[in-house]
N, C-alpha and C. Protein backbone atom coordinates (compact mmCIF):
# COMPACT_ATOMS: atom_id res chain seq x y z
N MET A 1 2.90 10.01 -7.12
CA MET A 1 2.94 11.27 -6.44
C MET A 1 1.75 12.13 -6.83
N THR A 2 1.30 12.93 -5.91
CA THR A 2 0.21 13.85 -6.19
C THR A 2 0.75 15.12 -6.82
N LYS A 3 -0.13 16.04 -7.15
CA LYS A 3 0.26 17.29 -7.80
C LYS A 3 1.27 18.09 -6.97
N ASN A 4 1.09 18.10 -5.67
CA ASN A 4 1.98 18.89 -4.82
C ASN A 4 3.22 18.11 -4.38
N GLY A 5 3.44 16.93 -4.94
CA GLY A 5 4.64 16.18 -4.66
C GLY A 5 4.55 15.23 -3.47
N GLN A 6 3.42 15.18 -2.79
CA GLN A 6 3.27 14.27 -1.67
C GLN A 6 2.73 12.93 -2.14
N GLU A 7 3.08 11.89 -1.43
CA GLU A 7 2.58 10.57 -1.77
C GLU A 7 1.10 10.47 -1.43
N ALA A 8 0.37 9.80 -2.30
CA ALA A 8 -1.05 9.60 -2.05
C ALA A 8 -1.26 8.56 -0.97
N LEU A 9 -0.37 7.59 -0.90
CA LEU A 9 -0.46 6.52 0.08
C LEU A 9 0.88 6.35 0.76
N ARG A 10 0.86 5.99 2.04
CA ARG A 10 2.09 5.73 2.76
C ARG A 10 1.87 4.58 3.73
N SER A 11 2.95 4.00 4.19
CA SER A 11 2.88 2.87 5.09
C SER A 11 3.31 3.30 6.49
N GLN A 12 2.66 2.72 7.50
CA GLN A 12 3.03 3.02 8.87
C GLN A 12 3.00 1.74 9.68
N ARG A 13 4.00 1.55 10.51
CA ARG A 13 4.08 0.38 11.38
C ARG A 13 3.05 0.53 12.48
N ARG A 14 2.17 -0.45 12.59
CA ARG A 14 1.15 -0.47 13.63
C ARG A 14 1.38 -1.72 14.47
N SER A 15 0.64 -1.87 15.54
CA SER A 15 0.83 -3.01 16.44
C SER A 15 0.61 -4.35 15.74
N GLY A 16 -0.27 -4.40 14.73
CA GLY A 16 -0.53 -5.65 14.03
C GLY A 16 0.26 -5.81 12.76
N GLY A 17 1.20 -4.93 12.49
CA GLY A 17 1.98 -4.96 11.26
C GLY A 17 1.90 -3.62 10.56
N TYR A 18 2.15 -3.60 9.28
CA TYR A 18 2.10 -2.37 8.49
C TYR A 18 0.72 -2.17 7.90
N ARG A 19 0.27 -0.93 7.88
CA ARG A 19 -0.99 -0.56 7.25
C ARG A 19 -0.70 0.52 6.23
N ILE A 20 -1.57 0.64 5.23
CA ILE A 20 -1.43 1.68 4.21
C ILE A 20 -2.47 2.76 4.48
N TRP A 21 -2.00 4.00 4.60
CA TRP A 21 -2.86 5.14 4.85
C TRP A 21 -3.13 5.85 3.52
N ASP A 22 -4.41 6.05 3.20
CA ASP A 22 -4.82 6.75 1.99
C ASP A 22 -5.09 8.21 2.35
N ASN A 23 -4.23 9.11 1.86
CA ASN A 23 -4.38 10.53 2.19
C ASN A 23 -5.62 11.14 1.55
N LYS A 24 -6.07 10.61 0.43
CA LYS A 24 -7.25 11.17 -0.25
C LYS A 24 -8.52 10.91 0.55
N THR A 25 -8.72 9.66 0.97
CA THR A 25 -9.93 9.31 1.73
C THR A 25 -9.72 9.46 3.24
N ARG A 26 -8.46 9.67 3.64
CA ARG A 26 -8.09 9.85 5.05
C ARG A 26 -8.52 8.68 5.92
N ARG A 27 -8.17 7.46 5.44
CA ARG A 27 -8.45 6.26 6.22
C ARG A 27 -7.45 5.17 5.84
N TRP A 28 -7.42 4.11 6.66
CA TRP A 28 -6.55 2.97 6.37
C TRP A 28 -7.11 2.21 5.19
N TRP A 29 -6.22 1.67 4.35
CA TRP A 29 -6.61 0.96 3.14
C TRP A 29 -6.01 -0.43 3.16
N GLY A 30 -6.79 -1.43 2.78
CA GLY A 30 -6.27 -2.80 2.64
C GLY A 30 -6.06 -3.51 3.96
N ASP A 31 -5.37 -4.61 3.86
CA ASP A 31 -5.09 -5.47 5.01
C ASP A 31 -3.82 -5.03 5.72
N PRO A 32 -3.66 -5.39 7.00
CA PRO A 32 -2.37 -5.17 7.65
C PRO A 32 -1.35 -6.16 7.08
N TYR A 33 -0.11 -5.72 6.91
CA TYR A 33 0.94 -6.55 6.33
C TYR A 33 2.04 -6.78 7.34
N GLU A 34 2.56 -8.00 7.38
CA GLU A 34 3.65 -8.35 8.29
C GLU A 34 4.92 -7.59 7.93
N LEU A 35 5.25 -7.55 6.64
CA LEU A 35 6.42 -6.83 6.15
C LEU A 35 5.97 -5.56 5.44
N CYS A 36 6.83 -4.57 5.40
CA CYS A 36 6.49 -3.31 4.73
C CYS A 36 6.33 -3.56 3.22
N PRO A 37 5.16 -3.24 2.66
CA PRO A 37 4.91 -3.51 1.24
C PRO A 37 5.46 -2.40 0.33
N ASP A 38 6.79 -2.25 0.28
CA ASP A 38 7.40 -1.16 -0.48
C ASP A 38 7.02 -1.16 -1.95
N ASP A 39 7.09 -2.33 -2.61
CA ASP A 39 6.78 -2.36 -4.04
C ASP A 39 5.30 -2.07 -4.31
N LEU A 40 4.42 -2.48 -3.40
CA LEU A 40 3.00 -2.16 -3.54
C LEU A 40 2.78 -0.65 -3.39
N LEU A 41 3.44 -0.04 -2.42
CA LEU A 41 3.33 1.42 -2.23
C LEU A 41 3.86 2.16 -3.45
N ASP A 42 4.99 1.69 -3.98
CA ASP A 42 5.56 2.34 -5.17
C ASP A 42 4.59 2.29 -6.34
N GLU A 43 3.93 1.15 -6.52
CA GLU A 43 2.98 1.02 -7.63
C GLU A 43 1.74 1.88 -7.40
N LEU A 44 1.23 1.91 -6.17
CA LEU A 44 0.05 2.72 -5.87
C LEU A 44 0.34 4.21 -6.00
N ASN A 45 1.55 4.63 -5.65
CA ASN A 45 1.93 6.04 -5.75
C ASN A 45 2.44 6.40 -7.14
N GLY A 46 2.70 5.40 -7.96
CA GLY A 46 3.26 5.66 -9.29
C GLY A 46 2.27 5.37 -10.40
N ALA A 47 2.55 4.33 -11.18
CA ALA A 47 1.79 4.02 -12.40
C ALA A 47 0.35 3.57 -12.13
N ARG A 48 0.11 2.94 -10.99
CA ARG A 48 -1.22 2.45 -10.62
C ARG A 48 -1.78 1.45 -11.64
N ASP A 49 -0.91 0.58 -12.13
CA ASP A 49 -1.33 -0.46 -13.07
C ASP A 49 -2.19 -1.49 -12.32
N TYR A 50 -3.43 -1.64 -12.75
CA TYR A 50 -4.39 -2.49 -12.05
C TYR A 50 -3.88 -3.94 -11.92
N ASP A 51 -3.36 -4.50 -13.01
CA ASP A 51 -2.88 -5.88 -12.98
C ASP A 51 -1.71 -6.05 -12.03
N ARG A 52 -0.80 -5.10 -12.02
CA ARG A 52 0.37 -5.17 -11.13
C ARG A 52 -0.06 -5.02 -9.67
N VAL A 53 -0.97 -4.10 -9.37
CA VAL A 53 -1.46 -3.92 -8.01
C VAL A 53 -2.16 -5.20 -7.54
N THR A 54 -2.99 -5.80 -8.40
CA THR A 54 -3.68 -7.04 -8.05
C THR A 54 -2.69 -8.15 -7.76
N ALA A 55 -1.67 -8.29 -8.59
CA ALA A 55 -0.65 -9.33 -8.38
C ALA A 55 0.10 -9.11 -7.06
N LEU A 56 0.43 -7.87 -6.76
CA LEU A 56 1.13 -7.57 -5.51
C LEU A 56 0.24 -7.84 -4.30
N LEU A 57 -1.04 -7.48 -4.39
CA LEU A 57 -1.96 -7.76 -3.28
C LEU A 57 -2.07 -9.25 -3.03
N LYS A 58 -2.17 -10.04 -4.10
CA LYS A 58 -2.24 -11.49 -3.95
C LYS A 58 -0.98 -12.04 -3.33
N ARG A 59 0.18 -11.51 -3.74
CA ARG A 59 1.44 -11.98 -3.20
C ARG A 59 1.55 -11.69 -1.71
N TYR A 60 1.18 -10.47 -1.29
CA TYR A 60 1.26 -10.14 0.12
C TYR A 60 0.24 -10.89 0.96
N ARG A 61 -0.93 -11.15 0.41
CA ARG A 61 -1.93 -11.94 1.15
C ARG A 61 -1.45 -13.38 1.32
N ALA A 62 -0.79 -13.93 0.29
CA ALA A 62 -0.25 -15.29 0.38
C ALA A 62 0.87 -15.38 1.41
N MET A 63 1.63 -14.31 1.56
CA MET A 63 2.74 -14.30 2.53
C MET A 63 2.22 -14.32 3.96
N LYS A 64 0.99 -13.83 4.18
CA LYS A 64 0.41 -13.80 5.53
C LYS A 64 0.03 -15.19 6.02
N ARG A 65 -0.23 -16.10 5.10
CA ARG A 65 -0.73 -17.43 5.49
C ARG A 65 0.34 -18.35 5.95
């Protein structure tokens, strides 16, 4: 969460799947995902542990194949 209580990143269903919107840079971030990446969003909006985010990205990319 950011200082004002809003999420820094959120997911939105798009025609090609789910995308992650970065409120700070005001653009789409990462790859489109078939399923909503809830645990990835929680980590990005929470602790932001680099190793955990990397593992989640790899898992979601593997699910696309």
